Amino acid sequence: MSHPSDEISPEYGERISLWLYGLMVTGATLVAGARVDDLWELIFLVVVTNIVYYLTHLLASWVAPRSDEDERSLGHHARIAAPMVSAAFGPLAVTLVASVLGAGRAMAVLCGLVTVLMGFAGVAAIGLRRRGMGGVRILVAVVFIVSVAVLLIGAKLIVH
């Protein structure tokens, strides 16, 4: 059960949501860029792609109409959306370490992609637990959420 002391601020929820979106972009870019010859080029591609999506989000936040009471600055939006970029760091670190340890490109990218999906699973499990769900229901829901993430990454690859 959730308790009043467990309340999550809207900004925290938005940061987690944008971190998950950053993971989605990371996973799709890792897979799409897996054919790049140089590992550092792949890492650069993923980071730059996440930065472009981050800047696009900031532009949309700045341009979108707001109520007169909404005094959040562009700097505020930049801080809230920063996880869109930092979400790439874990999967990229795992990809790099796997490669340094001798994994081939496909295996290293797969390790990074598994890290992306573990991020989704972890956030889903924590969020569902905070909502009072437990046991097998969490497991089933997490499997469903990770499956949807895989489908969305696949769809993103098909579209691009």
C-alpha atoms as a PDB file:
ATOM      1  CA  MET A   1       0.000   0.000   0.000  1.00  0.00           C
ATOM      2  CA  SER A   2       1.191   3.505  -0.652  1.00  0.00           C
ATOM      3  CA  HIS A   3       1.414   5.952   2.192  1.00  0.00           C
ATOM      4  CA  PRO A   4       1.156   9.766   2.215  1.00  0.00           C
ATOM      5  CA  SER A   5       4.897   9.914   2.896  1.00  0.00           C
ATOM      6  CA  ASP A   6       5.412   7.984  -0.372  1.00  0.00           C
ATOM      7  CA  GLU A   7       3.921  10.747  -2.510  1.00  0.00           C
ATOM      8  CA  ILE A   8       5.818  11.429  -5.707  1.00  0.00           C
ATOM      9  CA  SER A   9       6.002  14.943  -7.070  1.00  0.00           C
ATOM     10  CA  PRO A  10       4.762  15.586 -10.617  1.00  0.00           C
ATOM     11  CA  GLU A  11       8.306  16.661 -11.551  1.00  0.00           C
ATOM     12  CA  TYR A  12       9.740  13.360 -10.316  1.00  0.00           C
ATOM     13  CA  GLY A  13       7.161  11.420 -12.308  1.00  0.00           C
ATOM     14  CA  GLU A  14       7.954  13.492 -15.397  1.00  0.00           C
ATOM     15  CA  ARG A  15      11.701  12.883 -14.956  1.00  0.00           C
ATOM     16  CA  ILE A  16      11.124   9.123 -14.729  1.00  0.00           C
ATOM     17  CA  SER A  17       8.867   9.234 -17.791  1.00  0.00           C
ATOM     18  CA  LEU A  18      11.504  11.139 -19.774  1.00  0.00           C
ATOM     19  CA  TRP A  19      14.216   8.745 -18.557  1.00  0.00           C
ATOM     20  CA  LEU A  20      12.139   5.857 -19.930  1.00  0.00           C
ATOM     21  CA  TYR A  21      11.741   7.730 -23.209  1.00  0.00           C
ATOM     22  CA  GLY A  22      15.516   8.216 -23.265  1.00  0.00           C
ATOM     23  CA  LEU A  23      15.916   4.463 -22.728  1.00  0.00           C
ATOM     24  CA  MET A  24      13.560   3.820 -25.651  1.00  0.00           C
ATOM     25  CA  VAL A  25      15.589   6.111 -27.931  1.00  0.00           C
ATOM     26  CA  THR A  26      18.808   4.503 -26.679  1.00  0.00           C
ATOM     27  CA  GLY A  27      17.571   0.982 -27.383  1.00  0.00           C
ATOM     28  CA  ALA A  28      16.327   1.826 -30.873  1.00  0.00           C
ATOM     29  CA  THR A  29      19.495   3.728 -31.762  1.00  0.00           C
ATOM     30  CA  LEU A  30      21.741   0.973 -30.417  1.00  0.00           C
ATOM     31  CA  VAL A  31      20.008  -1.611 -32.571  1.00  0.00           C
ATOM     32  CA  ALA A  32      19.751   0.637 -35.636  1.00  0.00           C
ATOM     33  CA  GLY A  33      23.407   1.631 -35.331  1.00  0.00           C
ATOM     34  CA  ALA A  34      24.729  -1.864 -34.619  1.00  0.00           C
ATOM     35  CA  ARG A  35      26.156  -2.062 -38.147  1.00  0.00           C
ATOM     36  CA  VAL A  36      28.408   0.965 -37.596  1.00  0.00           C
ATOM     37  CA  ASP A  37      32.032  -0.154 -37.941  1.00  0.00           C
ATOM     38  CA  ASP A  38      33.505   1.670 -34.956  1.00  0.00           C
ATOM     39  CA  LEU A  39      32.146   1.203 -31.424  1.00  0.00           C
ATOM     40  CA  TRP A  40      32.961   4.813 -30.517  1.00  0.00           C
ATOM     41  CA  GLU A  41      30.977   5.947 -33.550  1.00  0.00           C
ATOM     42  CA  LEU A  42      27.999   3.927 -32.287  1.00  0.00           C
ATOM     43  CA  ILE A  43      28.328   5.473 -28.821  1.00  0.00           C
ATOM     44  CA  PHE A  44      28.549   8.942 -30.394  1.00  0.00           C
ATOM     45  CA  LEU A  45      25.475   8.182 -32.527  1.00  0.00           C
ATOM     46  CA  VAL A  46      23.432   7.132 -29.488  1.00  0.00           C
ATOM     47  CA  VAL A  47      24.452  10.140 -27.375  1.00  0.00           C
ATOM     48  CA  VAL A  48      23.869  12.642 -30.192  1.00  0.00           C
ATOM     49  CA  THR A  49      20.481  11.087 -31.000  1.00  0.00           C
ATOM     50  CA  ASN A  50      19.414  11.368 -27.359  1.00  0.00           C
ATOM     51  CA  ILE A  51      20.635  14.983 -27.244  1.00  0.00           C
ATOM     52  CA  VAL A  52      18.625  15.824 -30.383  1.00  0.00           C
ATOM     53  CA  TYR A  53      15.469  14.321 -28.849  1.00  0.00           C
ATOM     54  CA  TYR A  54      16.196  16.216 -25.607  1.00  0.00           C
ATOM     55  CA  LEU A  55      16.585  19.527 -27.460  1.00  0.00           C
ATOM     56  CA  THR A  56      13.411  18.813 -29.435  1.00  0.00           C
ATOM     57  CA  HIS A  57      11.570  18.237 -26.159  1.00  0.00           C
ATOM     58  CA  LEU A  58      12.916  21.525 -24.781  1.00  0.00           C
ATOM     59  CA  LEU A  59      11.829  23.401 -27.882  1.00  0.00           C
ATOM     60  CA  ALA A  60       8.340  21.903 -27.642  1.00  0.00           C
ATOM     61  CA  SER A  61       8.177  22.781 -23.918  1.00  0.00           C
ATOM     62  CA  TRP A  62       9.224  26.354 -24.671  1.00  0.00           C
ATOM     63  CA  VAL A  63       6.846  26.864 -27.610  1.00  0.00           C
ATOM     64  CA  ALA A  64       3.773  25.119 -26.162  1.00  0.00           C
ATOM     65  CA  PRO A  65       1.109  27.396 -24.715  1.00  0.00           C
ATOM     66  CA  ARG A  66       0.898  27.477 -20.930  1.00  0.00           C
ATOM     67  CA  SER A  67      -1.444  28.882 -18.349  1.00  0.00           C
ATOM     68  CA  ASP A  68      -0.579  32.189 -16.708  1.00  0.00           C
ATOM     69  CA  GLU A  69       0.081  30.333 -13.446  1.00  0.00           C
ATOM     70  CA  ASP A  70       2.733  28.114 -15.048  1.00  0.00           C
ATOM     71  CA  GLU A  71       5.937  29.994 -14.355  1.00  0.00           C
ATOM     72  CA  ARG A  72       8.329  27.149 -15.065  1.00  0.00           C
ATOM     73  CA  SER A  73      11.355  28.382 -16.943  1.00  0.00           C
ATOM     74  CA  LEU A  74      13.206  26.803 -19.822  1.00  0.00           C
ATOM     75  CA  GLY A  75      15.945  25.989 -17.292  1.00  0.00           C
ATOM     76  CA  HIS A  76      13.382  24.116 -15.208  1.00  0.00           C
ATOM     77  CA  HIS A  77      12.320  22.104 -18.266  1.00  0.00           C
ATOM     78  CA  ALA A  78      15.992  21.449 -19.107  1.00  0.00           C
ATOM     79  CA  ARG A  79      16.593  19.973 -15.644  1.00  0.00           C
ATOM     80  CA  ILE A  80      13.411  17.901 -15.710  1.00  0.00           C
ATOM     81  CA  ALA A  81      14.205  16.496 -19.187  1.00  0.00           C
ATOM     82  CA  ALA A  82      17.921  15.818 -18.581  1.00  0.00           C
ATOM     83  CA  PRO A  83      17.264  12.098 -17.955  1.00  0.00           C
ATOM     84  CA  MET A  84      16.467  11.790 -21.669  1.00  0.00           C
ATOM     85  CA  VAL A  85      20.226  12.029 -22.221  1.00  0.00           C
ATOM     86  CA  SER A  86      21.542  10.383 -19.054  1.00  0.00           C
ATOM     87  CA  ALA A  87      19.360   7.318 -19.726  1.00  0.00           C
ATOM     88  CA  ALA A  88      21.864   6.361 -22.427  1.00  0.00           C
ATOM     89  CA  PHE A  89      24.847   6.166 -20.064  1.00  0.00           C
ATOM     90  CA  GLY A  90      24.100   2.813 -18.393  1.00  0.00           C
ATOM     91  CA  PRO A  91      23.310   0.870 -21.570  1.00  0.00           C
ATOM     92  CA  LEU A  92      26.285   2.444 -23.353  1.00  0.00           C
ATOM     93  CA  ALA A  93      28.614   1.589 -20.475  1.00  0.00           C
ATOM     94  CA  VAL A  94      27.412  -2.023 -20.560  1.00  0.00           C
ATOM     95  CA  THR A  95      27.861  -2.132 -24.349  1.00  0.00           C
ATOM     96  CA  LEU A  96      31.384  -0.740 -24.037  1.00  0.00           C
ATOM     97  CA  VAL A  97      32.390  -3.095 -21.203  1.00  0.00           C
ATOM     98  CA  ALA A  98      31.007  -6.113 -23.077  1.00  0.00           C
ATOM     99  CA  SER A  99      33.008  -5.105 -26.130  1.00  0.00           C
ATOM    100  CA  VAL A 100      36.206  -4.545 -24.120  1.00  0.00           C
ATOM    101  CA  LEU A 101      35.733  -7.987 -22.548  1.00  0.00           C
ATOM    102  CA  GLY A 102      35.745  -9.544 -26.006  1.00  0.00           C
ATOM    103  CA  ALA A 103      32.088  -9.722 -26.983  1.00  0.00           C
ATOM    104  CA  GLY A 104      31.402  -9.251 -30.682  1.00  0.00           C
ATOM    105  CA  ARG A 105      29.436  -6.215 -31.819  1.00  0.00           C
ATOM    106  CA  ALA A 106      26.089  -8.032 -31.908  1.00  0.00           C
ATOM    107  CA  MET A 107      26.557  -9.460 -28.409  1.00  0.00           C
ATOM    108  CA  ALA A 108      27.749  -6.115 -26.997  1.00  0.00           C
ATOM    109  CA  VAL A 109      24.701  -4.341 -28.474  1.00  0.00           C
ATOM    110  CA  LEU A 110      22.443  -7.093 -27.131  1.00  0.00           C
ATOM    111  CA  CYS A 111      23.932  -6.536 -23.657  1.00  0.00           C
ATOM    112  CA  GLY A 112      23.157  -2.814 -23.972  1.00  0.00           C
ATOM    113  CA  LEU A 113      19.630  -3.568 -25.141  1.00  0.00           C
ATOM    114  CA  VAL A 114      19.078  -5.946 -22.213  1.00  0.00           C
ATOM    115  CA  THR A 115      20.198  -3.099 -19.926  1.00  0.00           C
ATOM    116  CA  VAL A 116      17.559  -0.859 -21.538  1.00  0.00           C
ATOM    117  CA  LEU A 117      14.875  -3.478 -20.916  1.00  0.00           C
ATOM    118  CA  MET A 118      16.058  -4.013 -17.330  1.00  0.00           C
ATOM    119  CA  GLY A 119      15.590  -0.270 -16.800  1.00  0.00           C
ATOM    120  CA  PHE A 120      11.998  -0.574 -17.989  1.00  0.00           C
ATOM    121  CA  ALA A 121      11.439  -3.632 -15.807  1.00  0.00           C
ATOM    122  CA  GLY A 122      12.905  -1.971 -12.718  1.00  0.00           C
ATOM    123  CA  VAL A 123      10.877   1.220 -13.046  1.00  0.00           C
ATOM    124  CA  ALA A 124       7.729  -0.776 -13.791  1.00  0.00           C
ATOM    125  CA  ALA A 125       8.206  -3.042 -10.770  1.00  0.00           C
ATOM    126  CA  ILE A 126       8.854  -0.116  -8.428  1.00  0.00           C
ATOM    127  CA  GLY A 127       5.913   1.879  -9.804  1.00  0.00           C
ATOM    128  CA  LEU A 128       3.524  -1.049  -9.564  1.00  0.00           C
ATOM    129  CA  ARG A 129       4.679  -1.870  -6.035  1.00  0.00           C
ATOM    130  CA  ARG A 130       4.099   1.746  -4.986  1.00  0.00           C
ATOM    131  CA  ARG A 131       0.557   1.410  -6.345  1.00  0.00           C
ATOM    132  CA  GLY A 132      -0.052  -1.533  -4.026  1.00  0.00           C
ATOM    133  CA  MET A 133       0.389  -4.386  -6.487  1.00  0.00           C
ATOM    134  CA  GLY A 134       2.313  -7.439  -5.365  1.00  0.00           C
ATOM    135  CA  GLY A 135       3.646 -10.867  -6.209  1.00  0.00           C
ATOM    136  CA  VAL A 136       2.742 -12.587  -9.438  1.00  0.00           C
ATOM    137  CA  ARG A 137       0.665  -9.617 -10.615  1.00  0.00           C
ATOM    138  CA  ILE A 138       3.828  -7.470 -10.684  1.00  0.00           C
ATOM    139  CA  LEU A 139       5.718 -10.171 -12.565  1.00  0.00           C
ATOM    140  CA  VAL A 140       2.976 -10.499 -15.191  1.00  0.00           C
ATOM    141  CA  ALA A 141       2.669  -6.729 -15.552  1.00  0.00           C
ATOM    142  CA  VAL A 142       6.457  -6.276 -15.859  1.00  0.00           C
ATOM    143  CA  VAL A 143       6.650  -8.970 -18.551  1.00  0.00           C
ATOM    144  CA  PHE A 144       3.848  -7.187 -20.397  1.00  0.00           C
ATOM    145  CA  ILE A 145       5.510  -3.752 -20.058  1.00  0.00           C
ATOM    146  CA  VAL A 146       8.894  -5.050 -21.228  1.00  0.00           C
ATOM    147  CA  SER A 147       7.168  -6.780 -24.162  1.00  0.00           C
ATOM    148  CA  VAL A 148       5.505  -3.511 -25.134  1.00  0.00           C
ATOM    149  CA  ALA A 149       8.899  -1.763 -24.891  1.00  0.00           C
ATOM    150  CA  VAL A 150      10.381  -4.376 -27.255  1.00  0.00           C
ATOM    151  CA  LEU A 151       7.483  -3.851 -29.679  1.00  0.00           C
ATOM    152  CA  LEU A 152       7.889  -0.067 -29.538  1.00  0.00           C
ATOM    153  CA  ILE A 153      11.642  -0.285 -30.155  1.00  0.00           C
ATOM    154  CA  GLY A 154      10.917  -2.632 -33.065  1.00  0.00           C
ATOM    155  CA  ALA A 155       8.251  -0.288 -34.433  1.00  0.00           C
ATOM    156  CA  LYS A 156      10.631   2.653 -34.169  1.00  0.00           C
ATOM    157  CA  LEU A 157      13.197   0.695 -36.186  1.00  0.00           C
ATOM    158  CA  ILE A 158      10.652  -0.245 -38.846  1.00  0.00           C
ATOM    159  CA  VAL A 159       9.473   3.359 -39.201  1.00  0.00           C
ATOM    160  CA  HIS A 160      13.001   4.727 -39.533  1.00  0.00           C
END
